């Protein structure tokens, strides 16, 4: 591809992006400029902070301190990077390669443009200038040999981004095969969870139960020269940890920085060459997989056709045909349909992965480090906090209930049912998921803090209170500010910057929305401090009163929000069924 072709394609992509921004009006343009300015300022500030820290603060640090500092930077970068992968688990193509296959142009150039554009993310903008600034600062303040950190940092970022892009392409291909999609998505989610929890389990399990005894292992003469000294006011680095830094590729940056501090340049040179080699292999694999995907070759192996066998009709119990007691027939049928859609949609499982992560994090902390000095009056706050954590990963499901329906929302518009029954069915479909995860949290908290049975009953009532609060706020938000979710992903499409700010505010105001469920334990603590009444019974009785009030408010809100849904259903239909350019 020559420059004229590439510039024409980039100009076309820019015009499409500009048209999307212009739909939001002048306010959207102003907010976009403010967001870009904040990102540039944060990037420049990180680079300047790294430059000053490398020049003045880290000029005379020991090798062990240098290792720990770079490990902390790399760990923070990988954490934000993995959070971004879980939140946006599909490849974001700037230019649609499928529409260019018939043109006489090189797809490699388009692939590289998409690769570079898809990784203009928060973690890159924030951490890359800081790491480069720190490397330049070490060159100015410590030694010219530290210049080898620059290619090592670039190689590390290239390695991570290349294999991430390859992973996203692999996930896109898996979304095509519906038979393996559910199991593989669950496996990927659990893999990310285990990777993020390895330090936590190591600290709480291995380090906690490790006996305190002096290190009796004698160092060899080679170890005395290669291991960083701990006598220079630096942390003690074990020999095993040094071996891990030499073997694990993501730790090569810290190992190279420590070796350069000790006057040995070979680990940095070999690390830079290794990261570029690994990144090149990942990018090559991603390109081949991308071309096969857009050419329709979703699987490298040809499927072998098996002879068809006669299928015997088996009568199975249909979940949709069941009826929920005490619920109108229309709302009951809709709840069963919505629940079946939730259990089948892969993007819903990705959303619920946040709850699984929270469950492992807080569960391991509570079970491995059980607090024994907590007063009985403060235990209700811990159990109520577990309820709030339960719903934190379900905010997007509650506040955008129609965004996952997409073309299926047309069926809801044509249904001859009251719109309050649609909202009631949506809420009832989320209830088994929310209560199931909440009960697991409560069980863990029960064994962790030793809460009484009365406190657990009160917390169960507060679980229902939080569910009703989110249903009221979620129904209102779903009707007023719906947004389209791309199939098989968690990525909103065609949303203006104003809508992005609204989505951010809904997540930011979540703790304020959860304040009513903390009124009961707060009142119990207030009345138990002077010794008037025990905290647990007060918490339980007041939780019943708050639950009755919220149930009444929810029932009143269904009629008014149903009328609002009927008034705005055409606009919602236009938003959730729109196509992506």
Protein backbone atom coordinates (compact mmCIF):
# COMPACT_ATOMS: atom_id res chain seq x y z
CA UNK A 1 0.00 0.00 0.00
CA UNK A 2 1.33 3.45 -0.90
CA UNK A 3 0.90 6.58 1.14
CA UNK A 4 -2.03 7.90 -0.94
CA UNK A 5 -4.12 4.79 -0.25
CA UNK A 6 -3.33 4.78 3.44
CA UNK A 7 -4.01 8.50 3.84
CA UNK A 8 -7.35 8.11 2.03
CA UNK A 9 -8.44 5.27 4.32
CA UNK A 10 -7.36 7.19 7.42
CA UNK A 11 -9.18 10.29 6.18
CA UNK A 12 -12.35 8.23 5.68
CA UNK A 13 -12.06 6.76 9.16
CA UNK A 14 -11.57 10.25 10.58
CA UNK A 15 -14.67 11.55 8.78
CA UNK A 16 -16.78 8.71 10.18
CA UNK A 17 -15.47 9.37 13.67
CA UNK A 18 -16.08 13.09 13.29
CA UNK A 19 -19.65 12.44 12.15
CA UNK A 20 -20.25 10.31 15.22
CA UNK A 21 -18.92 13.05 17.49
CA UNK A 22 -20.95 15.76 15.77
CA UNK A 23 -24.20 13.97 16.61
CA UNK A 24 -23.67 14.83 20.26
CA UNK A 25 -23.66 18.59 19.59
CA UNK A 26 -21.30 21.27 20.80
CA UNK A 27 -21.37 20.09 24.41
CA UNK A 28 -20.15 16.68 23.34
CA UNK A 29 -17.28 18.28 21.41
CA UNK A 30 -16.30 20.40 24.42
CA UNK A 31 -16.35 17.39 26.74
CA UNK A 32 -14.27 15.43 24.22
CA UNK A 33 -11.66 18.19 24.14
CA UNK A 34 -11.61 18.29 27.95
CA UNK A 35 -11.15 14.50 28.17
CA UNK A 36 -8.31 14.55 25.63
CA UNK A 37 -6.68 17.46 27.47
CA UNK A 38 -6.89 15.63 30.80
CA UNK A 39 -5.33 12.54 29.21
CA UNK A 40 -2.47 14.56 27.71
CA UNK A 41 -1.84 16.38 30.99
CA UNK A 42 -1.81 13.08 32.91
CA UNK A 43 0.58 11.58 30.38
CA UNK A 44 2.92 14.57 30.48
CA UNK A 45 2.72 14.68 34.28
CA UNK A 46 3.62 11.01 34.54
CA UNK A 47 6.59 11.47 32.24
CA UNK A 48 7.83 14.50 34.17
CA UNK A 49 7.37 12.73 37.51
CA UNK A 50 9.32 9.73 36.25
CA UNK A 51 12.09 11.99 34.92
CA UNK A 52 12.46 13.83 38.25
CA UNK A 53 12.29 10.61 40.28
CA UNK A 54 14.95 8.95 38.16
CA UNK A 55 17.25 11.97 38.19
CA UNK A 56 17.13 12.86 41.88
CA UNK A 57 15.35 10.24 44.02
CA UNK A 58 16.68 7.00 42.50
CA UNK A 59 20.18 8.06 41.54
CA UNK A 60 21.85 6.31 44.48
CA UNK A 61 19.41 3.52 45.36
CA UNK A 62 20.53 -0.07 45.86
CA UNK A 63 19.87 -2.79 43.27
CA UNK A 64 17.19 -4.36 45.46
CA UNK A 65 15.28 -1.07 45.70
CA UNK A 66 15.56 -0.66 41.93
CA UNK A 67 14.07 -4.13 41.49
CA UNK A 68 11.18 -3.45 43.84
CA UNK A 69 10.35 -0.08 42.24
CA UNK A 70 10.20 -1.47 38.72
CA UNK A 71 8.23 -4.50 39.93
CA UNK A 72 5.68 -2.14 41.48
CA UNK A 73 5.38 -0.11 38.26
CA UNK A 74 5.03 -3.21 36.07
CA UNK A 75 2.54 -4.75 38.49
CA UNK A 76 0.34 -1.64 38.48
CA UNK A 77 0.49 -1.48 34.69
CA UNK A 78 -0.48 -5.14 34.31
CA UNK A 79 -3.33 -4.74 36.80
CA UNK A 80 -4.94 -1.88 34.87
CA UNK A 81 -4.21 -3.68 31.61
CA UNK A 82 -5.94 -6.88 32.73
CA UNK A 83 -8.91 -4.92 34.05
CA UNK A 84 -9.24 -3.38 30.60
CA UNK A 85 -9.10 -6.80 28.97
CA UNK A 86 -11.88 -8.17 31.19
CA UNK A 87 -14.00 -5.05 30.68
CA UNK A 88 -13.57 -5.03 26.87
CA UNK A 89 -13.06 -8.61 25.81
CA UNK A 90 -13.17 -8.10 22.05
CA UNK A 91 -10.86 -6.57 19.47
CA UNK A 92 -11.64 -2.92 18.70
CA UNK A 93 -11.08 -2.45 14.98
CA UNK A 94 -10.53 1.12 13.84
CA UNK A 95 -10.81 0.10 10.18
CA UNK A 96 -13.08 -2.78 9.16
CA UNK A 97 -10.81 -5.19 7.30
CA UNK A 98 -13.78 -7.17 6.00
CA UNK A 99 -14.78 -4.24 3.76
CA UNK A 100 -11.29 -3.97 2.27
CA UNK A 101 -10.74 -7.56 1.17
CA UNK A 102 -11.91 -6.80 -2.38
CA UNK A 103 -9.54 -3.83 -2.78
CA UNK A 104 -5.99 -4.14 -4.21
CA UNK A 105 -4.27 -2.95 -1.03
CA UNK A 106 -2.01 -4.53 1.52
CA UNK A 107 -3.86 -5.76 4.57
CA UNK A 108 -0.69 -5.72 6.65
CA UNK A 109 -0.71 -1.94 6.79
CA UNK A 110 -4.37 -1.83 7.80
CA UNK A 111 -3.68 -4.50 10.41
CA UNK A 112 -0.84 -2.43 11.89
CA UNK A 113 -3.02 0.68 11.97
CA UNK A 114 -5.75 -1.24 13.81
CA UNK A 115 -3.17 -2.70 16.19
CA UNK A 116 -1.76 0.71 17.10
CA UNK A 117 -5.17 2.39 17.38
CA UNK A 118 -6.73 -0.34 19.51
CA UNK A 119 -4.06 0.05 22.20
CA UNK A 120 -4.46 3.77 22.74
CA UNK A 121 -5.79 2.96 26.20
CA UNK A 122 -5.71 4.49 29.66
CA UNK A 123 -2.96 2.20 30.94
CA UNK A 124 -0.67 2.96 27.97
CA UNK A 125 -1.25 6.72 28.14
CA UNK A 126 -0.68 6.80 31.90
CA UNK A 127 2.18 4.34 32.44
CA UNK A 128 4.30 4.38 29.27
CA UNK A 129 5.41 8.05 29.57
CA UNK A 130 6.14 7.49 33.25
CA UNK A 131 8.31 4.43 32.57
CA UNK A 132 10.16 6.20 29.76
CA UNK A 133 10.63 9.29 31.92
CA UNK A 134 12.03 7.18 34.74
CA UNK A 135 14.44 5.47 32.36
CA UNK A 136 15.66 8.82 30.98
CA UNK A 137 15.98 10.17 34.52
CA UNK A 138 18.16 7.22 35.50
CA UNK A 139 20.34 7.93 32.47
CA UNK A 140 20.81 11.54 33.59
CA UNK A 141 21.14 10.88 37.30
CA UNK A 142 22.87 7.52 37.54
CA UNK A 143 24.75 6.17 34.51
CA UNK A 144 24.68 6.23 30.72
CA UNK A 145 24.37 2.45 30.73
CA UNK A 146 20.77 2.89 31.96
CA UNK A 147 19.88 3.93 28.40
CA UNK A 148 19.39 0.21 27.73
CA UNK A 149 16.19 0.46 29.77
CA UNK A 150 14.51 2.33 26.92
CA UNK A 151 14.46 -0.57 24.42
CA UNK A 152 13.62 -2.92 27.28
CA UNK A 153 10.53 -0.86 28.20
CA UNK A 154 9.44 -0.58 24.56
CA UNK A 155 9.93 -4.32 24.10
CA UNK A 156 7.89 -5.08 27.20
CA UNK A 157 4.96 -2.90 26.05
CA UNK A 158 5.19 -4.35 22.53
CA UNK A 159 5.13 -7.90 23.91
CA UNK A 160 2.05 -7.24 26.09
CA UNK A 161 0.08 -5.39 23.42
CA UNK A 162 0.90 -7.89 20.65
CA UNK A 163 -0.27 -10.92 22.59
CA UNK A 164 -3.30 -9.02 23.90
CA UNK A 165 -4.30 -8.24 20.33
CA UNK A 166 -3.81 -11.90 19.46
CA UNK A 167 -5.98 -12.87 22.44
CA UNK A 168 -8.76 -10.53 21.35
CA UNK A 169 -8.74 -11.97 17.84
CA UNK A 170 -8.90 -15.49 19.27
CA UNK A 171 -11.89 -14.49 21.39
CA UNK A 172 -13.68 -13.05 18.37
CA UNK A 173 -13.28 -16.36 16.54
CA UNK A 174 -14.59 -18.24 19.55
CA UNK A 175 -17.70 -16.08 19.62
CA UNK A 176 -18.62 -17.52 16.22
CA UNK A 177 -18.70 -21.09 17.52
CA UNK A 178 -21.66 -21.09 19.89
CA UNK A 179 -21.06 -24.64 21.11
CA UNK A 180 -17.72 -23.91 22.76
CA UNK A 181 -18.33 -20.27 23.59
CA UNK A 182 -19.72 -20.64 27.10
CA UNK A 183 -17.09 -23.05 28.42
CA UNK A 184 -14.15 -21.10 26.97
CA UNK A 185 -15.41 -17.74 28.25
CA UNK A 186 -15.75 -19.22 31.72
CA UNK A 187 -12.25 -20.68 31.45
CA UNK A 188 -10.76 -17.35 30.35
CA UNK A 189 -12.48 -15.54 33.20
CA UNK A 190 -11.23 -18.02 35.78
CA UNK A 191 -7.71 -17.78 34.32
CA UNK A 192 -7.67 -14.01 34.75
CA UNK A 193 -9.01 -14.40 38.27
CA UNK A 194 -6.30 -16.90 39.22
CA UNK A 195 -3.56 -14.73 37.72
CA UNK A 196 -4.70 -11.65 39.61
CA UNK A 197 -5.06 -13.60 42.85
CA UNK A 198 -1.67 -15.33 42.83
CA UNK A 199 0.04 -12.60 44.93
CA UNK A 200 -2.90 -12.56 47.33
CA UNK A 201 -2.84 -16.32 47.85
CA UNK A 202 0.95 -16.31 48.15
CA UNK A 203 0.91 -13.66 50.89
CA UNK A 204 -2.05 -15.07 52.81
CA UNK A 205 -1.29 -18.78 52.49
CA UNK A 206 2.40 -19.36 51.86
CA UNK A 207 3.91 -16.39 53.63
CA UNK A 208 1.46 -16.51 56.53
CA UNK A 209 2.17 -20.13 57.41
CA UNK A 210 5.89 -19.91 56.72
CA UNK A 211 7.88 -20.34 59.97
CA UNK A 212 10.02 -17.44 61.10
CA UNK A 213 13.50 -18.84 60.99
CA UNK A 214 16.79 -17.41 59.80
CA UNK A 215 17.94 -18.21 56.32
CA UNK A 216 20.59 -20.90 56.66
CA UNK A 217 21.28 -21.32 52.97
CA UNK A 218 24.82 -20.39 52.17
CA UNK A 219 25.48 -18.32 49.11
CA UNK A 220 27.93 -19.46 46.54
CA UNK A 221 30.66 -17.11 45.36
CA UNK A 222 28.63 -16.52 42.19
CA UNK A 223 25.58 -15.54 44.26
CA UNK A 224 27.62 -13.01 46.23
CA UNK A 225 28.45 -11.19 43.04
CA UNK A 226 25.07 -11.44 41.32
CA UNK A 227 22.57 -11.05 44.16
CA UNK A 228 21.76 -7.51 45.26
CA UNK A 229 23.09 -6.60 48.66
CA UNK A 230 20.56 -6.03 51.43
CA UNK A 231 22.93 -4.09 53.63
CA UNK A 232 22.43 -0.86 51.72
CA UNK A 233 19.07 -0.10 53.36
CA UNK A 234 17.25 -2.17 50.76
CA UNK A 235 14.80 -5.05 50.96
CA UNK A 236 16.09 -8.59 51.21
CA UNK A 237 15.77 -10.33 47.82
CA UNK A 238 15.90 -14.12 47.96
CA UNK A 239 17.71 -16.26 45.43
CA UNK A 240 14.43 -17.87 44.32
CA UNK A 241 12.94 -14.47 43.53
CA UNK A 242 15.97 -13.61 41.41
CA UNK A 243 15.55 -16.82 39.40
CA UNK A 244 11.87 -15.99 38.85
CA UNK A 245 12.85 -12.57 37.50
CA UNK A 246 15.19 -14.21 35.01
CA UNK A 247 12.60 -16.71 33.78
CA UNK A 248 9.29 -14.79 33.69
CA UNK A 249 9.21 -12.38 30.68
CA UNK A 250 7.04 -9.72 32.35
CA UNK A 251 9.71 -9.36 35.08
CA UNK A 252 12.60 -8.83 32.69
CA UNK A 253 12.30 -5.03 32.95
CA UNK A 254 12.89 -5.07 36.69
CA UNK A 255 15.66 -7.65 36.33
CA UNK A 256 17.36 -5.54 33.65
CA UNK A 257 17.14 -2.37 35.78
CA UNK A 258 18.65 -4.17 38.78
CA UNK A 259 21.45 -5.65 36.64
CA UNK A 260 22.28 -2.26 35.12
CA UNK A 261 22.51 -0.80 38.62
CA UNK A 262 25.07 -3.51 39.43
CA UNK A 263 27.03 -2.78 36.24
CA UNK A 264 25.90 -5.81 34.22
CA UNK A 265 24.30 -4.86 30.87
CA UNK A 266 23.69 -8.33 29.41
CA UNK A 267 20.34 -9.05 31.19
CA UNK A 268 18.91 -5.80 29.81
CA UNK A 269 20.17 -6.51 26.28
CA UNK A 270 18.92 -10.08 26.26
CA UNK A 271 15.64 -9.03 27.89
CA UNK A 272 14.99 -6.39 25.20
CA UNK A 273 15.77 -8.88 22.43
CA UNK A 274 13.54 -11.50 24.05
CA UNK A 275 10.56 -9.17 24.51
CA UNK A 276 10.74 -7.97 20.89
CA UNK A 277 11.00 -11.58 19.70
CA UNK A 278 8.03 -12.74 21.78
CA UNK A 279 6.02 -9.68 20.72
CA UNK A 280 6.84 -10.29 17.07
CA UNK A 281 5.63 -13.87 17.31
CA UNK A 282 2.39 -12.71 18.93
CA UNK A 283 1.79 -10.03 16.30
CA UNK A 284 2.51 -12.49 13.48
CA UNK A 285 0.09 -14.99 14.94
CA UNK A 286 -2.55 -12.27 15.38
CA UNK A 287 -2.21 -11.18 11.74
CA UNK A 288 -2.60 -14.70 10.40
CA UNK A 289 -5.59 -15.33 12.63
CA UNK A 290 -7.19 -12.02 11.59
CA UNK A 291 -6.84 -12.78 7.88
CA UNK A 292 -8.30 -16.27 8.36
CA UNK A 293 -11.20 -14.85 10.32
CA UNK A 294 -12.17 -12.24 7.72
CA UNK A 295 -11.81 -14.82 4.96
CA UNK A 296 -14.31 -17.07 6.73
CA UNK A 297 -11.80 -19.63 8.01
CA UNK A 298 -12.94 -19.68 11.63
CA UNK A 299 -11.24 -22.99 12.36
CA UNK A 300 -7.98 -24.33 11.00
CA UNK A 301 -9.24 -27.91 11.05
CA UNK A 302 -11.93 -29.04 8.68
CA UNK A 303 -14.84 -30.56 10.46
CA UNK A 304 -15.53 -34.20 9.61
CA UNK A 305 -19.12 -34.79 8.75
CA UNK A 306 -20.69 -37.55 10.72
CA UNK A 307 -23.59 -39.55 9.34
CA UNK A 308 -26.88 -38.17 10.54
CA UNK A 309 -28.71 -40.25 13.06
CA UNK A 310 -32.39 -40.33 13.55
CA UNK A 311 -33.34 -38.17 16.49
CA UNK A 312 -35.99 -39.34 18.87
CA UNK A 313 -38.19 -36.56 20.15
CA UNK A 314 -37.86 -36.25 23.90
CA UNK A 315 -40.33 -34.22 25.85
CA UNK A 316 -38.48 -31.89 28.20
CA UNK A 317 -39.78 -29.59 30.82
CA UNK A 318 -39.84 -26.04 29.51
CA UNK A 319 -38.69 -23.36 31.88
CA UNK A 320 -40.67 -20.72 30.01
CA UNK A 321 -43.91 -22.54 30.62
CA UNK A 322 -43.59 -22.34 34.39
CA UNK A 323 -45.46 -19.80 36.49
CA UNK A 324 -44.19 -17.70 39.40
CA UNK A 325 -46.66 -17.72 42.27
CA UNK A 326 -48.11 -14.34 43.20
CA UNK A 327 -46.93 -12.66 39.99
CA UNK A 328 -49.16 -11.68 37.04
CA UNK A 329 -49.12 -14.23 34.23
CA UNK A 330 -47.60 -11.82 31.68
CA UNK A 331 -44.81 -10.73 34.03
CA UNK A 332 -44.11 -14.35 35.02
CA UNK A 333 -43.76 -15.47 31.39
CA UNK A 334 -41.52 -12.49 30.57
CA UNK A 335 -39.35 -13.18 33.63
CA UNK A 336 -38.76 -16.76 32.49
CA UNK A 337 -37.85 -15.60 28.97
CA UNK A 338 -35.50 -12.90 30.24
CA UNK A 339 -33.83 -15.32 32.65
CA UNK A 340 -33.23 -17.81 29.84
CA UNK A 341 -31.67 -15.01 27.76
CA UNK A 342 -29.42 -14.05 30.68
CA UNK A 343 -28.16 -17.61 31.12
CA UNK A 344 -27.34 -17.92 27.42
CA UNK A 345 -25.75 -14.52 26.68
CA UNK A 346 -21.91 -14.61 26.93
CA UNK A 347 -21.69 -10.88 27.65
CA UNK A 348 -23.84 -11.39 30.75
CA UNK A 349 -21.37 -14.00 31.97
CA UNK A 350 -18.55 -11.53 31.40
CA UNK A 351 -20.38 -8.95 33.50
CA UNK A 352 -20.90 -11.45 36.32
CA UNK A 353 -17.17 -12.25 36.23
CA UNK A 354 -16.65 -9.12 38.33
CA UNK A 355 -18.71 -10.69 41.10
CA UNK A 356 -16.62 -13.85 40.94
CA UNK A 357 -13.45 -11.78 41.23
CA UNK A 358 -14.86 -9.92 44.23
CA UNK A 359 -15.95 -13.22 45.73
CA UNK A 360 -12.45 -14.70 45.49
CA UNK A 361 -10.72 -11.54 46.69
CA UNK A 362 -12.87 -10.88 49.74
CA UNK A 363 -13.47 -14.56 50.42
CA UNK A 364 -9.77 -15.35 50.58
CA UNK A 365 -9.07 -12.30 52.75
CA UNK A 366 -11.90 -13.09 55.18
CA UNK A 367 -11.24 -16.81 55.43
CA UNK A 368 -7.44 -16.64 55.64
CA UNK A 369 -7.29 -13.60 57.91
CA UNK A 370 -10.27 -13.84 60.15
CA UNK A 371 -10.73 -10.74 62.30
CA UNK A 372 -11.03 -11.81 65.94
CA UNK A 373 -11.11 -8.43 67.67
CA UNK A 374 -14.21 -6.98 66.00
CA UNK A 375 -16.98 -6.01 68.37
CA UNK A 376 -20.41 -7.56 67.95
CA UNK A 377 -21.84 -4.08 67.40
CA UNK A 378 -19.63 -3.55 64.31
CA UNK A 379 -20.15 -6.98 62.70
CA UNK A 380 -23.44 -5.90 61.05
CA UNK A 381 -21.53 -3.26 59.08
CA UNK A 382 -19.25 -5.96 57.64
CA UNK A 383 -22.14 -8.17 56.59
CA UNK A 384 -24.00 -5.20 55.10
CA UNK A 385 -20.84 -4.23 53.22
CA UNK A 386 -20.81 -7.71 51.72
CA UNK A 387 -24.30 -7.02 50.36
CA UNK A 388 -23.07 -3.84 48.67
CA UNK A 389 -20.13 -5.70 47.14
CA UNK A 390 -22.56 -8.29 45.75
CA UNK A 391 -24.30 -5.73 43.55
CA UNK A 392 -21.22 -3.76 42.52
CA UNK A 393 -20.49 -6.03 39.56
CA UNK A 394 -24.13 -5.97 38.41
CA UNK A 395 -24.50 -2.21 37.93
CA UNK A 396 -24.42 -2.45 34.14
CA UNK A 397 -27.11 -5.15 34.13
CA UNK A 398 -29.47 -3.11 36.31
CA UNK A 399 -28.89 0.29 34.71
CA UNK A 400 -29.05 -0.87 31.07
CA UNK A 401 -31.61 -3.65 31.02
CA UNK A 402 -32.65 -3.10 27.39
CA UNK A 403 -29.16 -2.64 25.93
CA UNK A 404 -28.62 -6.40 25.71
CA UNK A 405 -31.95 -7.04 23.95
CA UNK A 406 -30.88 -5.32 20.71
CA UNK A 407 -33.21 -6.53 17.90
CA UNK A 408 -35.24 -8.53 20.42
CA UNK A 409 -36.58 -5.26 21.85
CA UNK A 410 -38.90 -5.06 18.83
CA UNK A 411 -40.81 -8.01 20.29
CA UNK A 412 -41.28 -6.15 23.56
CA UNK A 413 -42.64 -3.11 21.72
CA UNK A 414 -45.19 -5.25 19.86
CA UNK A 415 -46.35 -7.21 22.91
CA UNK A 416 -49.91 -6.38 24.05
CA UNK A 417 -48.96 -6.26 27.73
CA UNK A 418 -48.67 -3.48 30.23
CA UNK A 419 -45.23 -1.94 30.30
CA UNK A 420 -44.98 -2.30 34.06
CA UNK A 421 -45.08 -6.08 33.54
CA UNK A 422 -42.04 -5.79 31.26
CA UNK A 423 -40.12 -3.96 33.97
CA UNK A 424 -41.29 -6.43 36.59
CA UNK A 425 -40.20 -9.35 34.39
CA UNK A 426 -36.77 -7.77 33.86
CA UNK A 427 -36.29 -7.36 37.61
CA UNK A 428 -37.48 -10.88 38.45
CA UNK A 429 -35.05 -12.34 35.90
CA UNK A 430 -32.14 -10.71 37.73
CA UNK A 431 -33.32 -11.83 41.16
CA UNK A 432 -31.97 -15.45 41.14
CA UNK A 433 -28.53 -14.26 40.02
CA UNK A 434 -28.34 -11.45 42.57
CA UNK A 435 -29.64 -13.51 45.48
CA UNK A 436 -27.48 -16.53 44.59
CA UNK A 437 -24.25 -14.50 44.64
CA UNK A 438 -25.43 -12.60 47.72
CA UNK A 439 -26.07 -15.76 49.71
CA UNK A 440 -22.57 -17.01 48.90
CA UNK A 441 -21.13 -13.74 50.20
CA UNK A 442 -23.22 -13.96 53.36
CA UNK A 443 -22.08 -17.54 53.99
CA UNK A 444 -18.43 -16.51 53.72
CA UNK A 445 -18.96 -13.53 56.02
CA UNK A 446 -20.83 -15.72 58.52
CA UNK A 447 -17.84 -18.06 58.94
CA UNK A 448 -15.27 -15.27 58.66
CA UNK A 449 -16.48 -12.81 61.31
CA UNK A 450 -18.64 -15.17 63.34
CA UNK A 451 -21.81 -13.08 63.01
CA UNK A 452 -24.87 -14.22 64.92
CA UNK A 453 -27.92 -15.76 63.32
CA UNK A 454 -29.98 -12.62 63.93
CA UNK A 455 -27.37 -10.48 62.14
CA UNK A 456 -27.39 -12.84 59.14
CA UNK A 457 -31.21 -12.68 58.99
CA UNK A 458 -31.07 -8.88 59.07
CA UNK A 459 -28.45 -8.90 56.33
CA UNK A 460 -30.69 -11.14 54.23
CA UNK A 461 -33.40 -8.50 54.51
CA UNK A 462 -30.85 -5.85 53.53
CA UNK A 463 -29.99 -7.95 50.47
CA UNK A 464 -33.61 -7.61 49.35
CA UNK A 465 -33.50 -3.88 50.17
CA UNK A 466 -30.45 -3.36 47.95
CA UNK A 467 -32.12 -5.32 45.17
CA UNK A 468 -35.24 -3.15 45.32
CA UNK A 469 -33.17 0.05 45.36
CA UNK A 470 -31.25 -1.02 42.28
CA UNK A 471 -34.44 -2.11 40.54
CA UNK A 472 -36.03 1.33 41.02
CA UNK A 473 -32.91 3.24 39.96
CA UNK A 474 -32.10 0.73 37.22
CA UNK A 475 -35.59 0.89 35.69
CA UNK A 476 -35.39 4.69 35.56
CA UNK A 477 -31.89 4.67 34.07
CA UNK A 478 -32.75 1.95 31.54
CA UNK A 479 -35.70 3.98 30.26
CA UNK A 480 -34.01 7.38 30.18
CA UNK A 481 -30.42 6.60 29.12
CA UNK A 482 -30.25 3.23 27.31
CA UNK A 483 -27.23 2.38 25.17
CA UNK A 484 -26.43 -0.36 22.70
CA UNK A 485 -24.07 -3.20 23.71
CA UNK A 486 -22.11 -4.94 20.97
CA UNK A 487 -22.96 -8.66 20.68
CA UNK A 488 -20.53 -10.92 22.50
CA UNK A 489 -18.83 -8.05 24.33
CA UNK A 490 -19.30 -5.45 27.04
CA UNK A 491 -18.46 -2.52 24.78
CA UNK A 492 -21.09 0.23 24.33
CA UNK A 493 -21.33 1.36 20.72
CA UNK A 494 -22.18 4.75 19.23
CA UNK A 495 -22.43 6.56 22.55
CA UNK A 496 -21.62 10.23 22.88
CA UNK A 497 -19.31 11.63 25.49
CA UNK A 498 -22.31 12.90 27.42
CA UNK A 499 -23.61 9.35 27.64
CA UNK A 500 -20.16 8.22 28.76
CA UNK A 501 -20.24 10.78 31.57
CA UNK A 502 -23.72 9.60 32.59
CA UNK A 503 -22.54 5.98 32.71
CA UNK A 504 -19.56 7.05 34.80
CA UNK A 505 -21.81 8.97 37.20
CA UNK A 506 -24.12 5.97 37.67
CA UNK A 507 -21.14 3.91 38.78
CA UNK A 508 -19.84 6.78 40.93
CA UNK A 509 -23.18 7.26 42.71
CA UNK A 510 -23.54 3.56 43.53
CA UNK A 511 -22.22 3.97 47.13
CA UNK A 512 -24.73 6.78 47.73
CA UNK A 513 -27.53 4.55 46.44
CA UNK A 514 -26.51 1.86 48.95
CA UNK A 515 -26.68 4.20 51.97
CA UNK A 516 -30.26 3.21 53.01
CA UNK A 517 -29.23 -0.38 53.70
CA UNK A 518 -26.66 0.89 56.23
CA UNK A 519 -29.32 2.75 58.25
CA UNK A 520 -30.31 -0.37 60.19
CA UNK A 521 -26.82 -1.32 61.47
CA UNK A 522 -26.12 2.37 62.15
CA UNK A 523 -29.25 2.65 64.30
CA UNK A 524 -28.33 -0.55 66.12
CA UNK A 525 -24.87 0.81 66.88
CA UNK A 526 -26.34 4.13 68.01
CA UNK A 527 -28.78 2.54 70.47
CA UNK A 528 -26.29 -0.06 71.73
CA UNK A 529 -23.49 2.39 72.54
CA UNK A 530 -25.23 3.87 75.63
CA UNK A 531 -26.44 0.38 76.57
CA UNK A 532 -30.11 0.99 75.80
CA UNK A 533 -30.82 -1.87 73.39
CA UNK A 534 -28.75 -4.68 71.84
CA UNK A 535 -27.55 -3.94 68.31
CA UNK A 536 -28.60 -7.18 66.58
CA UNK A 537 -32.37 -7.10 67.36
CA UNK A 538 -32.56 -3.38 66.53
CA UNK A 539 -30.81 -4.06 63.23
CA UNK A 540 -33.27 -6.83 62.39
CA UNK A 541 -36.45 -4.95 63.34
CA UNK A 542 -35.47 -1.74 61.55
CA UNK A 543 -34.42 -3.77 58.47
CA UNK A 544 -37.97 -5.14 58.30
CA UNK A 545 -39.38 -1.60 58.41
CA UNK A 546 -37.01 -0.33 55.70
CA UNK A 547 -37.76 -3.37 53.54
CA UNK A 548 -41.52 -2.81 53.81
CA UNK A 549 -41.09 0.85 52.87
CA UNK A 550 -38.86 0.08 49.87
CA UNK A 551 -41.23 -2.67 48.68
CA UNK A 552 -44.10 -0.17 48.76
CA UNK A 553 -42.00 2.41 46.87
CA UNK A 554 -41.05 -0.19 44.27
CA UNK A 555 -44.65 -1.20 43.69
CA UNK A 556 -45.66 2.44 43.25
CA UNK A 557 -42.79 3.09 40.85
CA UNK A 558 -43.76 0.29 38.46
CA UNK A 559 -46.85 2.08 37.14
CA UNK A 560 -45.18 5.45 36.55
CA UNK A 561 -41.99 3.95 35.11
CA UNK A 562 -44.08 1.65 32.92
CA UNK A 563 -45.90 4.67 31.47
CA UNK A 564 -42.53 6.36 30.91
CA UNK A 565 -41.31 3.24 29.11
CA UNK A 566 -44.34 3.27 26.84
CA UNK A 567 -43.69 6.93 26.05
CA UNK A 568 -40.00 6.37 25.21
CA UNK A 569 -40.04 2.87 23.75
CA UNK A 570 -39.56 4.11 20.18
CA UNK A 571 -36.46 6.06 21.16
CA UNK A 572 -35.15 3.07 23.09
CA UNK A 573 -35.78 0.88 20.05
CA UNK A 574 -33.78 3.26 17.87
CA UNK A 575 -30.85 3.21 20.32
CA UNK A 576 -30.58 -0.50 21.10
CA UNK A 577 -31.09 -1.71 17.52
CA UNK A 578 -28.75 0.71 15.75
CA UNK A 579 -25.97 -0.63 13.58
CA UNK A 580 -22.29 0.18 14.11
CA UNK A 581 -20.44 1.97 11.33
